[in-house]
Amino acid sequence: KQYEFLSNLFQSILYKDLEYIFDKYIIELPHEYSIKLIFNEYINYYTIEENITSAKSLINGLSIIFNDILSSILLYPSENLQYENLYNNNDDITKSIDLTDIYGLEHLLRMCCIFPNLIKEFFIYNINEKDILMNDFNKFLKWLNDIIFNDPIKYKANYYKISKKDLLLLEERQELY
């Protein structure tokens, strides 16, 4: 079965995000409009639909996956330093923090790019369940595309220049990009 790929809108957001990273900018955290808010908006959208259970199940799964893979797969090296600082400089923050409360659309889209490959291995023997999940995922992507298209400013990240001190540290680690 064919699945939808990321829309031109999503690709342009990710391309712009990559340009910022190469220009030595990173996203200000916490994101003004977090992934958690996006997920809640999707669930609220589905309250008028009959299949809210599958929507909640998808969102729960996406949240778990996001929290599990953020630091190992979704962050650029310059963002890993920001991630480390998030934990090291805040006594209030524990390892059990829900990262969907902090990160936003750009990081969600990075995950959406690799999501089909992530689940491929889990559903190697049950193609039907994989098809159902991918159908729900594609509904989510379509909804997400529509809301961003209608209000792109709402979801836009604020970027800031990486400090000279952090640039030097990243260069020492050889982790600039």
Protein backbone atom coordinates (compact mmCIF):
# COMPACT_ATOMS: atom_id res chain seq x y z
CA LYS A 1 0.00 0.00 0.00
CA GLN A 2 1.25 3.50 -0.83
CA TYR A 3 1.43 6.07 1.93
CA GLU A 4 1.46 9.82 1.56
CA PHE A 5 4.76 11.61 1.78
CA LEU A 6 5.27 14.90 3.50
CA SER A 7 3.55 17.79 1.75
CA ASN A 8 5.37 20.63 0.03
CA LEU A 9 4.46 22.83 2.99
CA PHE A 10 6.13 20.44 5.45
CA GLN A 11 9.16 20.08 3.20
CA SER A 12 9.55 23.87 2.99
CA ILE A 13 9.34 24.18 6.80
CA LEU A 14 11.99 21.50 7.23
CA TYR A 15 14.21 23.05 4.56
CA LYS A 16 13.99 26.46 6.25
CA ASP A 17 14.76 24.80 9.59
CA LEU A 18 17.87 23.20 8.10
CA GLU A 19 18.97 26.56 6.67
CA TYR A 20 18.74 28.08 10.15
CA ILE A 21 20.81 25.23 11.61
CA PHE A 22 23.54 25.72 8.98
CA ASP A 23 23.49 29.47 9.69
CA LYS A 24 24.15 28.59 13.35
CA TYR A 25 20.69 29.32 14.71
CA ILE A 26 18.59 27.04 16.89
CA ILE A 27 14.99 27.09 18.02
CA GLU A 28 14.16 28.94 21.22
CA LEU A 29 12.77 26.59 23.85
CA PRO A 30 10.19 26.12 25.07
CA HIS A 31 8.46 26.46 21.72
CA GLU A 32 5.58 28.95 21.88
CA TYR A 33 3.21 26.38 20.38
CA SER A 34 4.34 22.97 21.61
CA ILE A 35 3.78 19.54 20.13
CA LYS A 36 1.52 18.81 23.11
CA LEU A 37 -0.72 21.74 22.09
CA ILE A 38 -0.78 20.46 18.50
CA PHE A 39 -1.71 16.98 19.72
CA ASN A 40 -4.46 18.36 21.98
CA GLU A 41 -5.82 20.38 19.08
CA TYR A 42 -5.98 17.18 17.00
CA ILE A 43 -7.82 15.30 19.76
CA ASN A 44 -10.28 18.20 20.10
CA TYR A 45 -10.82 18.12 16.35
CA TYR A 46 -11.66 14.44 16.63
CA THR A 47 -14.31 14.96 19.32
CA ILE A 48 -16.70 15.60 16.44
CA GLU A 49 -15.56 12.41 14.73
CA GLU A 50 -16.66 8.94 15.72
CA ASN A 51 -13.21 7.37 15.83
CA ILE A 52 -11.61 9.36 18.66
CA THR A 53 -10.09 6.18 20.13
CA SER A 54 -7.77 5.65 17.18
CA ALA A 55 -6.82 9.35 17.19
CA LYS A 56 -5.95 9.21 20.90
CA SER A 57 -4.03 5.99 20.39
CA LEU A 58 -2.01 7.51 17.55
CA ILE A 59 -1.22 10.66 19.55
CA ASN A 60 -0.20 8.61 22.57
CA GLY A 61 2.12 6.51 20.41
CA LEU A 62 3.61 9.57 18.69
CA SER A 63 4.26 11.17 22.10
CA ILE A 64 6.04 8.09 23.39
CA ILE A 65 8.14 7.75 20.25
CA PHE A 66 9.03 11.46 20.26
CA ASN A 67 10.21 11.36 23.88
CA ASP A 68 12.23 8.21 23.19
CA ILE A 69 14.05 9.33 20.04
CA LEU A 70 14.41 13.10 20.38
CA SER A 71 17.98 13.29 21.65
CA SER A 72 19.30 10.29 19.73
CA ILE A 73 17.76 10.88 16.29
CA LEU A 74 15.85 14.15 15.89
CA LEU A 75 18.31 16.76 17.13
CA TYR A 76 21.20 18.30 15.26
CA PRO A 77 24.45 18.37 17.24
CA SER A 78 24.04 22.07 18.01
CA GLU A 79 20.62 21.29 19.46
CA ASN A 80 22.02 18.43 21.55
CA LEU A 81 24.00 21.00 23.52
CA GLN A 82 20.77 22.92 24.12
CA TYR A 83 19.11 19.65 25.20
CA GLU A 84 21.96 18.91 27.62
CA ASN A 85 21.70 22.42 29.06
CA LEU A 86 17.98 21.94 29.53
CA TYR A 87 18.69 19.07 31.90
CA ASN A 88 21.90 20.29 33.50
CA ASN A 89 20.81 23.86 34.28
CA ASN A 90 17.38 23.17 35.71
CA ASP A 91 17.01 21.42 39.04
CA ASP A 92 13.23 21.39 38.58
CA ILE A 93 13.42 19.33 35.41
CA THR A 94 13.68 15.59 35.76
CA LYS A 95 14.28 12.88 33.21
CA SER A 96 10.54 12.16 33.25
CA ILE A 97 9.66 15.46 31.59
CA ASP A 98 7.35 15.27 28.59
CA LEU A 99 9.42 16.75 25.79
CA THR A 100 6.28 17.39 23.73
CA ASP A 101 5.65 20.27 26.17
CA ILE A 102 8.94 21.92 25.14
CA TYR A 103 9.51 21.21 21.46
CA GLY A 104 7.33 22.30 18.54
CA LEU A 105 6.34 21.76 14.94
CA GLU A 106 9.81 21.56 13.39
CA HIS A 107 10.86 18.68 15.62
CA LEU A 108 7.49 16.98 15.15
CA LEU A 109 7.94 17.16 11.38
CA ARG A 110 11.42 15.66 11.67
CA MET A 111 9.84 12.70 13.43
CA CYS A 112 7.05 12.47 10.85
CA CYS A 113 9.70 12.11 8.14
CA ILE A 114 11.07 8.94 9.68
CA PHE A 115 7.90 7.58 11.30
CA PRO A 116 7.08 5.07 8.53
CA ASN A 117 10.56 3.57 8.82
CA LEU A 118 10.33 3.47 12.61
CA ILE A 119 7.16 1.41 12.62
CA LYS A 120 8.11 -0.84 9.71
CA GLU A 121 10.08 -3.18 11.98
CA PHE A 122 7.37 -3.36 14.63
CA PHE A 123 4.71 -4.59 12.22
CA ILE A 124 6.78 -7.03 10.20
CA TYR A 125 4.23 -9.84 10.71
CA ASN A 126 1.01 -7.88 11.01
CA ILE A 127 0.60 -5.85 7.84
CA ASN A 128 -3.06 -5.08 8.59
CA GLU A 129 -2.22 -3.29 11.87
CA LYS A 130 0.54 -1.36 10.11
CA ASP A 131 -1.91 -0.28 7.39
CA ILE A 132 -4.43 0.90 9.99
CA LEU A 133 -1.73 2.85 11.86
CA MET A 134 -0.40 4.42 8.66
CA ASN A 135 -3.93 5.37 7.64
CA ASP A 136 -4.42 7.13 10.99
CA PHE A 137 -0.98 8.76 10.63
CA ASN A 138 -1.87 10.05 7.16
CA LYS A 139 -5.12 11.53 8.52
CA PHE A 140 -3.04 13.31 11.15
CA LEU A 141 -0.60 14.63 8.50
CA LYS A 142 -3.46 15.91 6.35
CA TRP A 143 -5.06 17.64 9.34
CA LEU A 144 -1.69 19.11 10.38
CA ASN A 145 -1.04 20.39 6.86
CA ASP A 146 -4.47 22.06 6.77
CA ILE A 147 -4.12 23.85 10.11
CA ILE A 148 -0.60 25.09 9.36
CA PHE A 149 -1.63 26.25 5.91
CA ASN A 150 -4.51 28.21 7.44
CA ASP A 151 -2.43 29.79 10.24
CA PRO A 152 1.33 29.46 9.58
CA ILE A 153 2.37 32.20 12.02
CA LYS A 154 0.80 30.38 14.97
CA TYR A 155 3.18 27.42 14.65
CA LYS A 156 6.37 29.22 13.58
CA ALA A 157 9.42 28.81 15.77
CA ASN A 158 11.60 31.59 17.12
CA TYR A 159 15.25 31.01 16.29
CA TYR A 160 18.27 32.55 17.96
CA LYS A 161 21.95 32.64 17.14
CA ILE A 162 24.14 30.09 18.90
CA SER A 163 26.47 31.85 21.33
CA LYS A 164 30.19 32.09 20.56
CA LYS A 165 30.91 30.07 23.69
CA ASP A 166 28.62 27.25 22.54
CA LEU A 167 30.05 27.40 19.01
CA LEU A 168 33.53 26.90 20.42
CA LEU A 169 32.35 23.98 22.52
CA LEU A 170 30.65 22.40 19.50
CA GLU A 171 33.76 22.87 17.41
CA GLU A 172 35.83 21.19 20.13
CA ARG A 173 33.39 18.27 20.08
CA GLN A 174 33.41 18.39 16.27
CA GLU A 175 29.62 18.45 16.39
CA LEU A 176 28.66 21.65 14.62
CA TYR A 177 26.20 20.09 12.19
